[in-house]
Amino acid sequence: MRVDKWLASVNVVKRRTVASDMVKSGVVFINEMKAKASKNVVIGDKITIEYLNGAKNYEVLQIPTTKTIPKSKKDEYVKEL
């Protein structure tokens, strides 16, 4: 699954367009390497998003099979580090 789609599917960001803009701006890193929108995420990847007030780190636990998941199941798909 593409990194921008994954970010939106697991409710890290609200919309996929926002996730795409973040990737294009160069603030999303996968395993400490700058991500491109077409980069696929796999289980175990470490994703870092650099916000203005600090960075947030996430670990991919699962890849969703649907477009979005319920917010109550977010912990099954992503772990905030």
C-alpha atoms as a PDB file:
ATOM      1  CA  MET A   1       0.000   0.000   0.000  1.00  0.00           C
ATOM      2  CA  ARG A   2       1.285   3.476  -0.892  1.00  0.00           C
ATOM      3  CA  VAL A   3       2.505   5.560   2.032  1.00  0.00           C
ATOM      4  CA  ASP A   4       0.027   8.399   1.436  1.00  0.00           C
ATOM      5  CA  LYS A   5      -2.885   5.968   1.243  1.00  0.00           C
ATOM      6  CA  TRP A   6      -1.715   4.155   4.385  1.00  0.00           C
ATOM      7  CA  LEU A   7      -1.458   7.388   6.385  1.00  0.00           C
ATOM      8  CA  ALA A   8      -5.058   8.252   5.514  1.00  0.00           C
ATOM      9  CA  SER A   9      -6.411   4.704   5.943  1.00  0.00           C
ATOM     10  CA  VAL A  10      -5.133   4.262   9.494  1.00  0.00           C
ATOM     11  CA  ASN A  11      -6.257   7.751  10.562  1.00  0.00           C
ATOM     12  CA  VAL A  12      -2.813   9.289  11.074  1.00  0.00           C
ATOM     13  CA  VAL A  13      -3.953  12.183   8.851  1.00  0.00           C
ATOM     14  CA  LYS A  14      -7.523  13.133   7.996  1.00  0.00           C
ATOM     15  CA  ARG A  15      -7.417  13.014   4.195  1.00  0.00           C
ATOM     16  CA  ARG A  16      -5.274  11.383   1.536  1.00  0.00           C
ATOM     17  CA  THR A  17      -4.697  14.729  -0.189  1.00  0.00           C
ATOM     18  CA  VAL A  18      -3.167  16.047   3.032  1.00  0.00           C
ATOM     19  CA  ALA A  19      -0.958  12.952   3.221  1.00  0.00           C
ATOM     20  CA  SER A  20       0.114  13.421  -0.417  1.00  0.00           C
ATOM     21  CA  ASP A  21       0.994  17.062   0.229  1.00  0.00           C
ATOM     22  CA  MET A  22       3.042  16.079   3.276  1.00  0.00           C
ATOM     23  CA  VAL A  23       4.981  13.511   1.247  1.00  0.00           C
ATOM     24  CA  LYS A  24       5.584  16.024  -1.570  1.00  0.00           C
ATOM     25  CA  SER A  25       6.797  18.589   0.975  1.00  0.00           C
ATOM     26  CA  GLY A  26       9.418  16.143   2.214  1.00  0.00           C
ATOM     27  CA  VAL A  27       8.301  15.820   5.839  1.00  0.00           C
ATOM     28  CA  VAL A  28       7.517  12.072   5.702  1.00  0.00           C
ATOM     29  CA  PHE A  29      10.331   9.559   6.182  1.00  0.00           C
ATOM     30  CA  ILE A  30      10.244   5.770   5.956  1.00  0.00           C
ATOM     31  CA  ASN A  31      13.068   4.034   7.828  1.00  0.00           C
ATOM     32  CA  GLU A  32      14.915   7.391   8.032  1.00  0.00           C
ATOM     33  CA  MET A  33      14.803   7.931   4.251  1.00  0.00           C
ATOM     34  CA  LYS A  34      12.705  10.646   2.621  1.00  0.00           C
ATOM     35  CA  ALA A  35       9.559   9.022   1.231  1.00  0.00           C
ATOM     36  CA  LYS A  36       8.010   9.397  -2.197  1.00  0.00           C
ATOM     37  CA  ALA A  37       4.238   9.082  -2.615  1.00  0.00           C
ATOM     38  CA  SER A  38       4.635   5.889  -4.635  1.00  0.00           C
ATOM     39  CA  LYS A  39       6.721   4.167  -1.922  1.00  0.00           C
ATOM     40  CA  ASN A  40       4.996   1.091  -0.535  1.00  0.00           C
ATOM     41  CA  VAL A  41       4.920   0.462   3.194  1.00  0.00           C
ATOM     42  CA  VAL A  42       5.403  -2.997   4.647  1.00  0.00           C
ATOM     43  CA  ILE A  43       4.863  -4.407   8.114  1.00  0.00           C
ATOM     44  CA  GLY A  44       7.660  -3.287  10.432  1.00  0.00           C
ATOM     45  CA  ASP A  45       8.452   0.003   8.655  1.00  0.00           C
ATOM     46  CA  LYS A  46       9.154   3.023  10.849  1.00  0.00           C
ATOM     47  CA  ILE A  47       7.451   6.182   9.594  1.00  0.00           C
ATOM     48  CA  THR A  48       8.456   9.628  10.838  1.00  0.00           C
ATOM     49  CA  ILE A  49       6.465  12.792  10.187  1.00  0.00           C
ATOM     50  CA  GLU A  50       8.233  16.064  10.964  1.00  0.00           C
ATOM     51  CA  TYR A  51       5.722  18.671  12.109  1.00  0.00           C
ATOM     52  CA  LEU A  52       6.657  22.265  12.911  1.00  0.00           C
ATOM     53  CA  ASN A  53       6.507  21.616  16.656  1.00  0.00           C
ATOM     54  CA  GLY A  54       8.333  18.257  16.580  1.00  0.00           C
ATOM     55  CA  ALA A  55       8.430  14.854  14.960  1.00  0.00           C
ATOM     56  CA  LYS A  56       6.092  11.900  15.458  1.00  0.00           C
ATOM     57  CA  ASN A  57       7.215   8.328  14.909  1.00  0.00           C
ATOM     58  CA  TYR A  58       4.990   5.413  13.950  1.00  0.00           C
ATOM     59  CA  GLU A  59       5.492   1.706  13.325  1.00  0.00           C
ATOM     60  CA  VAL A  60       3.443  -0.213  10.746  1.00  0.00           C
ATOM     61  CA  LEU A  61       1.788  -3.210  12.440  1.00  0.00           C
ATOM     62  CA  GLN A  62      -0.675  -4.219   9.708  1.00  0.00           C
ATOM     63  CA  ILE A  63      -1.748  -3.167   6.228  1.00  0.00           C
ATOM     64  CA  PRO A  64      -5.498  -2.433   6.020  1.00  0.00           C
ATOM     65  CA  THR A  65      -7.503  -4.241   3.354  1.00  0.00           C
ATOM     66  CA  THR A  66     -10.250  -1.602   3.233  1.00  0.00           C
ATOM     67  CA  LYS A  67     -10.152   2.082   2.344  1.00  0.00           C
ATOM     68  CA  THR A  68     -10.500   3.208   5.953  1.00  0.00           C
ATOM     69  CA  ILE A  69     -10.570   1.533   9.329  1.00  0.00           C
ATOM     70  CA  PRO A  70     -12.592   2.496  12.406  1.00  0.00           C
ATOM     71  CA  LYS A  71     -10.716   4.806  14.761  1.00  0.00           C
ATOM     72  CA  SER A  72     -11.255   2.277  17.554  1.00  0.00           C
ATOM     73  CA  LYS A  73      -9.076  -0.248  15.667  1.00  0.00           C
ATOM     74  CA  LYS A  74      -6.212   2.158  14.932  1.00  0.00           C
ATOM     75  CA  ASP A  75      -3.985   0.468  17.548  1.00  0.00           C
ATOM     76  CA  GLU A  76      -4.086  -2.789  15.553  1.00  0.00           C
ATOM     77  CA  TYR A  77      -2.547  -1.119  12.487  1.00  0.00           C
ATOM     78  CA  VAL A  78      -0.157   1.519  13.828  1.00  0.00           C
ATOM     79  CA  LYS A  79       1.911   1.998  16.978  1.00  0.00           C
ATOM     80  CA  GLU A  80       3.077   5.455  17.987  1.00  0.00           C
ATOM     81  CA  LEU A  81       6.665   5.356  19.187  1.00  0.00           C
END
